[in-house]
Amino acid sequence: MRKLLFIFVSFILFQWASFANASALQNAYNHHQSDVQVQGVGTVVRILRDDNKGIRHQKFILKVSSGQTVLVAHNIDIAPRLDSISVGDQVQFYGEYEWNKKGGVVHWTHKDPRGYHIAGWLKFKGKTYQ
C-alpha cells in the first residue's frame, strides 16, 4: 500500500511540476520576456533541418502542456545531437528562453565551455544531452 501511495504522490508532484514549468514558459511568452531560464517537457511536433551556418544547431518544435509551441535550438558543436528523435517523442528541456511571436526559442541546452552561462540540457529516452 505504501508503494502505491508513493507512486501516486510522485505522479501528482510530477504533473504539478510540469504544469508549473509550462506556466513559467507561458508567462515568459505572454510578457515578451527573453533571457529567462526555463525548464519543461514537450512533445515533438516537427523536426526541422539542422542549422549548419556558423555554430551548428539541431532544431525541432515542441508542444508543451499549455498548448504553446517552442523551437528548440540545440548546439551540436558542443553537445551530442538527439539521433533518433521523431514526431510524437517527449523531450525534457532546461535552457534559455528567447521570445518571438511564434512561441519562442529555447537555446543554451548545453554546458558553457567557458563556464559563464548556466548549463542547460535536454533529456530524451533516459539520456541527458548537454
Protein backbone atom coordinates (compact mmCIF):
# COMPACT_ATOMS: atom_id res chain seq x y z
CA MET A 1 0.00 0.00 0.00
CA ARG A 2 2.86 2.39 0.83
CA LYS A 3 4.46 1.74 -2.54
CA LEU A 4 1.20 2.51 -4.33
CA LEU A 5 0.78 5.72 -2.32
CA PHE A 6 4.38 6.72 -3.12
CA ILE A 7 3.81 6.15 -6.84
CA PHE A 8 0.58 8.16 -6.75
CA VAL A 9 2.15 11.08 -4.85
CA SER A 10 5.18 11.04 -7.20
CA PHE A 11 2.88 11.14 -10.21
CA ILE A 12 0.91 14.09 -8.79
CA LEU A 13 4.11 16.01 -7.99
CA PHE A 14 5.49 15.36 -11.48
CA GLN A 15 2.24 16.58 -13.05
CA TRP A 16 2.24 19.69 -10.86
CA ALA A 17 5.90 20.42 -11.70
CA SER A 18 5.17 20.00 -15.41
CA PHE A 19 2.25 22.43 -15.12
CA ALA A 20 4.33 24.94 -13.14
CA ASN A 21 7.15 24.77 -15.69
CA ALA A 22 4.73 25.14 -18.60
CA SER A 23 3.18 28.11 -16.79
CA ALA A 24 6.61 29.79 -16.44
CA LEU A 25 7.20 29.31 -20.15
CA GLN A 26 3.71 30.63 -20.97
CA ASN A 27 4.29 33.61 -18.66
CA ALA A 28 7.56 34.47 -20.44
CA TYR A 29 5.76 34.27 -23.79
CA ASN A 30 2.79 36.36 -22.64
CA HIS A 31 5.06 39.10 -21.28
CA HIS A 32 7.51 39.09 -24.22
CA GLN A 33 10.38 38.14 -21.91
CA SER A 34 13.76 36.89 -23.10
CA ASP A 35 16.91 35.66 -21.36
CA VAL A 36 14.77 33.58 -18.99
CA GLN A 37 15.87 30.13 -17.80
CA VAL A 38 13.01 27.69 -18.37
CA GLN A 39 12.50 24.01 -17.74
CA GLY A 40 9.79 21.78 -19.07
CA VAL A 41 8.73 18.85 -21.15
CA GLY A 42 7.09 18.78 -24.54
CA THR A 43 6.05 16.55 -27.39
CA VAL A 44 7.92 16.81 -30.68
CA VAL A 45 5.52 18.15 -33.31
CA ARG A 46 8.02 18.98 -36.03
CA ILE A 47 11.65 18.25 -36.83
CA LEU A 48 13.46 20.94 -38.79
CA ARG A 49 16.69 20.82 -40.76
CA ASP A 50 19.87 21.41 -38.83
CA ASP A 51 21.21 24.94 -38.99
CA ASN A 52 24.73 24.39 -40.33
CA LYS A 53 25.69 28.04 -40.81
CA GLY A 54 28.30 29.02 -38.25
CA ILE A 55 27.68 27.18 -34.99
CA ARG A 56 25.58 24.12 -35.85
CA HIS A 57 22.19 23.59 -34.19
CA GLN A 58 19.72 20.73 -34.25
CA LYS A 59 16.22 22.22 -34.41
CA PHE A 60 12.79 20.85 -33.56
CA ILE A 61 9.49 22.18 -32.27
CA LEU A 62 7.93 21.00 -29.02
CA LYS A 63 4.36 21.44 -27.85
CA VAL A 64 4.09 21.83 -24.07
CA SER A 65 1.10 21.04 -21.86
CA SER A 66 -0.29 24.58 -22.12
CA GLY A 67 -0.58 24.13 -25.89
CA GLN A 68 2.24 26.57 -26.61
CA THR A 69 4.87 25.54 -29.13
CA VAL A 70 8.53 26.39 -28.75
CA LEU A 71 11.51 25.95 -31.05
CA VAL A 72 14.45 24.12 -29.51
CA ALA A 73 17.83 25.12 -30.99
CA HIS A 74 20.34 22.61 -29.58
CA ASN A 75 24.04 23.38 -30.19
CA ILE A 76 25.52 20.21 -31.74
CA ASP A 77 29.04 21.63 -31.91
CA ILE A 78 29.13 21.43 -28.10
CA ALA A 79 26.56 18.78 -27.17
CA PRO A 80 25.61 15.48 -28.81
CA ARG A 81 22.61 15.51 -31.13
CA LEU A 82 19.43 13.58 -30.37
CA ASP A 83 19.84 10.99 -33.14
CA SER A 84 16.63 9.01 -33.12
CA ILE A 85 14.18 11.80 -32.33
CA SER A 86 10.76 11.51 -34.04
CA VAL A 87 7.45 13.35 -34.10
CA GLY A 88 5.48 12.26 -31.03
CA ASP A 89 8.53 11.78 -28.79
CA GLN A 90 8.72 13.53 -25.43
CA VAL A 91 11.76 15.68 -24.63
CA GLN A 92 12.56 17.40 -21.34
CA PHE A 93 14.48 20.65 -21.57
CA TYR A 94 16.31 23.24 -19.49
CA GLY A 95 17.68 26.27 -21.27
CA GLU A 96 17.37 29.95 -22.01
CA TYR A 97 14.10 31.21 -23.49
CA GLU A 98 14.02 33.95 -26.12
CA TRP A 99 10.64 35.44 -27.01
CA ASN A 100 9.26 35.62 -30.54
CA LYS A 101 5.70 35.83 -31.87
CA LYS A 102 5.72 32.17 -32.94
CA GLY A 103 6.14 30.87 -29.38
CA GLY A 104 9.79 31.48 -28.68
CA VAL A 105 13.10 29.66 -28.78
CA VAL A 106 14.86 27.61 -26.12
CA HIS A 107 18.63 27.51 -26.58
CA TRP A 108 21.69 27.10 -24.33
CA THR A 109 20.64 23.46 -23.83
CA HIS A 110 24.27 22.53 -23.17
CA LYS A 111 27.17 23.30 -20.88
CA ASP A 112 29.06 26.54 -21.43
CA PRO A 113 32.66 25.57 -22.23
CA ARG A 114 33.82 28.87 -20.70
CA GLY A 115 31.71 28.43 -17.57
CA TYR A 116 29.98 31.83 -17.74
CA HIS A 117 26.44 30.78 -18.64
CA ILE A 118 24.10 28.49 -16.71
CA ALA A 119 24.38 24.96 -18.09
CA GLY A 120 21.30 23.66 -19.85
CA TRP A 121 20.31 20.19 -21.04
CA LEU A 122 17.89 18.03 -22.96
CA LYS A 123 16.66 14.68 -21.65
CA PHE A 124 15.47 12.12 -24.13
CA LYS A 125 14.80 8.40 -23.66
CA GLY A 126 16.63 8.33 -20.33
CA LYS A 127 19.77 10.10 -21.56
CA THR A 128 20.91 13.65 -20.78
CA TYR A 129 22.36 15.69 -23.64
CA GLN A 130 24.50 18.68 -22.68
